C-alpha atoms as a PDB file:
ATOM      1  CA  MET A   1       0.000   0.000   0.000  1.00  0.00           C
ATOM      2  CA  PRO A   2       1.292   3.469  -0.745  1.00  0.00           C
ATOM      3  CA  GLU A   3       2.168   5.410   2.376  1.00  0.00           C
ATOM      4  CA  MET A   4       1.823   9.140   2.724  1.00  0.00           C
ATOM      5  CA  ILE A   5       3.219  11.809   4.985  1.00  0.00           C
ATOM      6  CA  PHE A   6       1.141  14.904   5.600  1.00  0.00           C
ATOM      7  CA  ARG A   7       2.756  17.916   7.234  1.00  0.00           C
ATOM      8  CA  VAL A   8       0.615  20.069   9.474  1.00  0.00           C
ATOM      9  CA  ARG A   9       1.108  23.433  11.176  1.00  0.00           C
ATOM     10  CA  TRP A  10      -0.329  23.689  14.679  1.00  0.00           C
ATOM     11  CA  PRO A  11      -1.668  26.820  16.401  1.00  0.00           C
ATOM     12  CA  ASP A  12       1.796  27.510  17.882  1.00  0.00           C
ATOM     13  CA  ASP A  13       3.312  27.429  14.355  1.00  0.00           C
ATOM     14  CA  SER A  14       5.132  24.158  15.044  1.00  0.00           C
ATOM     15  CA  LEU A  15       5.203  21.618  12.216  1.00  0.00           C
ATOM     16  CA  THR A  16       4.552  17.901  12.487  1.00  0.00           C
ATOM     17  CA  ASP A  17       4.953  15.224   9.850  1.00  0.00           C
ATOM     18  CA  CYS A  18       2.066  12.774  10.214  1.00  0.00           C
ATOM     19  CA  TYR A  19       1.934   9.258   8.779  1.00  0.00           C
ATOM     20  CA  SER A  20      -0.851   7.571   6.851  1.00  0.00           C
ATOM     21  CA  PRO A  21      -0.549   3.990   5.587  1.00  0.00           C
ATOM     22  CA  SER A  22      -2.808   4.871   2.652  1.00  0.00           C
ATOM     23  CA  LEU A  23      -3.446   7.710   0.246  1.00  0.00           C
ATOM     24  CA  VAL A  24      -7.000   7.893   1.627  1.00  0.00           C
ATOM     25  CA  ILE A  25      -5.906  10.870   3.721  1.00  0.00           C
ATOM     26  CA  ARG A  26      -6.069  12.939   0.513  1.00  0.00           C
ATOM     27  CA  ASP A  27      -9.777  12.157   0.265  1.00  0.00           C
ATOM     28  CA  HIS A  28     -10.351  13.786   3.654  1.00  0.00           C
ATOM     29  CA  LEU A  29      -7.860  16.635   3.975  1.00  0.00           C
ATOM     30  CA  ARG A  30      -6.773  19.233   1.408  1.00  0.00           C
ATOM     31  CA  GLU A  31      -3.266  20.540   1.018  1.00  0.00           C
ATOM     32  CA  GLY A  32      -3.154  24.207   2.025  1.00  0.00           C
ATOM     33  CA  ALA A  33      -6.476  24.050   3.862  1.00  0.00           C
ATOM     34  CA  VAL A  34      -6.952  25.493   7.338  1.00  0.00           C
ATOM     35  CA  TYR A  35      -9.197  23.494   9.694  1.00  0.00           C
ATOM     36  CA  PRO A  36     -10.625  24.266  13.097  1.00  0.00           C
ATOM     37  CA  LEU A  37      -8.685  22.123  15.585  1.00  0.00           C
ATOM     38  CA  GLU A  38     -11.609  19.874  16.513  1.00  0.00           C
ATOM     39  CA  GLU A  39     -12.523  19.305  12.859  1.00  0.00           C
ATOM     40  CA  PHE A  40      -8.933  18.479  11.917  1.00  0.00           C
ATOM     41  CA  THR A  41      -8.713  15.992  14.785  1.00  0.00           C
ATOM     42  CA  ARG A  42     -12.027  14.348  13.861  1.00  0.00           C
ATOM     43  CA  ILE A  43     -11.193  14.131  10.144  1.00  0.00           C
ATOM     44  CA  SER A  44      -7.713  12.778  10.829  1.00  0.00           C
ATOM     45  CA  ARG A  45      -9.077  10.113  13.174  1.00  0.00           C
ATOM     46  CA  GLU A  46     -11.675   9.082  10.604  1.00  0.00           C
ATOM     47  CA  ALA A  47      -9.233   8.977   7.672  1.00  0.00           C
ATOM     48  CA  LEU A  48      -6.508   7.141   9.579  1.00  0.00           C
ATOM     49  CA  THR A  49      -9.038   4.592  10.845  1.00  0.00           C
ATOM     50  CA  ILE A  50     -10.152   3.953   7.257  1.00  0.00           C
ATOM     51  CA  ALA A  51      -6.503   3.636   6.209  1.00  0.00           C
ATOM     52  CA  SER A  52      -5.810   1.184   9.017  1.00  0.00           C
ATOM     53  CA  ASP A  53      -8.904  -0.829   8.084  1.00  0.00           C
ATOM     54  CA  ARG A  54      -7.590  -1.063   4.508  1.00  0.00           C
ATOM     55  CA  VAL A  55      -4.335  -2.468   5.860  1.00  0.00           C
ATOM     56  CA  ALA A  56      -6.335  -4.990   7.891  1.00  0.00           C
ATOM     57  CA  GLU A  57      -8.300  -6.047   4.819  1.00  0.00           C
ATOM     58  CA  ARG A  58      -5.121  -6.603   2.865  1.00  0.00           C
ATOM     59  CA  TYR A  59      -2.773  -8.048   5.497  1.00  0.00           C
ATOM     60  CA  GLY A  60      -5.094  -9.384   8.180  1.00  0.00           C
ATOM     61  CA  PHE A  61      -4.172  -6.917  10.922  1.00  0.00           C
ATOM     62  CA  PRO A  62      -4.694  -3.177  11.431  1.00  0.00           C
ATOM     63  CA  CYS A  63      -1.893  -0.642  11.119  1.00  0.00           C
ATOM     64  CA  SER A  64      -0.433   0.038  14.557  1.00  0.00           C
ATOM     65  CA  ARG A  65       1.477   3.023  13.194  1.00  0.00           C
ATOM     66  CA  ALA A  66      -1.809   4.653  12.110  1.00  0.00           C
ATOM     67  CA  ALA A  67      -3.251   4.044  15.570  1.00  0.00           C
ATOM     68  CA  ARG A  68      -0.171   5.667  17.118  1.00  0.00           C
ATOM     69  CA  GLN A  69      -0.534   8.613  14.755  1.00  0.00           C
ATOM     70  CA  ILE A  70      -4.146   9.110  15.821  1.00  0.00           C
ATOM     71  CA  GLY A  71      -3.010   9.153  19.438  1.00  0.00           C
ATOM     72  CA  GLU A  72      -0.245  11.649  18.694  1.00  0.00           C
ATOM     73  CA  ILE A  73      -2.620  13.972  16.840  1.00  0.00           C
ATOM     74  CA  GLU A  74      -5.172  13.806  19.656  1.00  0.00           C
ATOM     75  CA  ALA A  75      -2.503  14.453  22.318  1.00  0.00           C
ATOM     76  CA  LYS A  76      -1.083  17.427  20.427  1.00  0.00           C
ATOM     77  CA  ALA A  77      -4.571  18.815  19.768  1.00  0.00           C
ATOM     78  CA  ALA A  78      -5.402  18.603  23.477  1.00  0.00           C
ATOM     79  CA  ARG A  79      -2.580  21.080  24.181  1.00  0.00           C
ATOM     80  CA  PHE A  80      -4.378  23.732  22.130  1.00  0.00           C
ATOM     81  CA  ALA A  81      -8.012  22.968  22.961  1.00  0.00           C
ATOM     82  CA  ALA A  82      -8.342  25.876  25.409  1.00  0.00           C
ATOM     83  CA  LEU A  83      -7.176  28.471  22.878  1.00  0.00           C
ATOM     84  CA  PRO A  84      -9.836  30.674  21.280  1.00  0.00           C
ATOM     85  CA  ALA A  85     -10.574  29.315  17.779  1.00  0.00           C
ATOM     86  CA  PRO A  86      -7.405  27.229  17.260  1.00  0.00           C
ATOM     87  CA  THR A  87      -6.692  26.053  13.706  1.00  0.00           C
ATOM     88  CA  VAL A  88      -4.477  23.502  12.001  1.00  0.00           C
ATOM     89  CA  THR A  89      -3.116  23.950   8.479  1.00  0.00           C
ATOM     90  CA  VAL A  90      -2.334  21.041   6.167  1.00  0.00           C
ATOM     91  CA  VAL A  91       0.932  22.306   4.712  1.00  0.00           C
ATOM     92  CA  ALA A  92       1.839  19.516   2.289  1.00  0.00           C
ATOM     93  CA  PHE A  93       1.431  15.902   1.270  1.00  0.00           C
ATOM     94  CA  SER A  94       4.458  13.829   0.363  1.00  0.00           C
END
């Protein structure tokens, strides 16, 4: 399966490279788009779960790296949840 890295900019201007085991992330997030923090977290969780399910269909087990990535996104998002109107930008896909 083709893997994909998507780089995001958090409300503090830090950048994170996030992993997806499938190109399905492109069906859910747009390069250059700015998302409200909660929406970005929800969409990422949904897309990475779909990607992990595709791995499970093909190889018989879900993608643990996708599950870890969901956890990392949710943990990072929690740091900014109290900010007024925090956003996340999808900087690039690679």
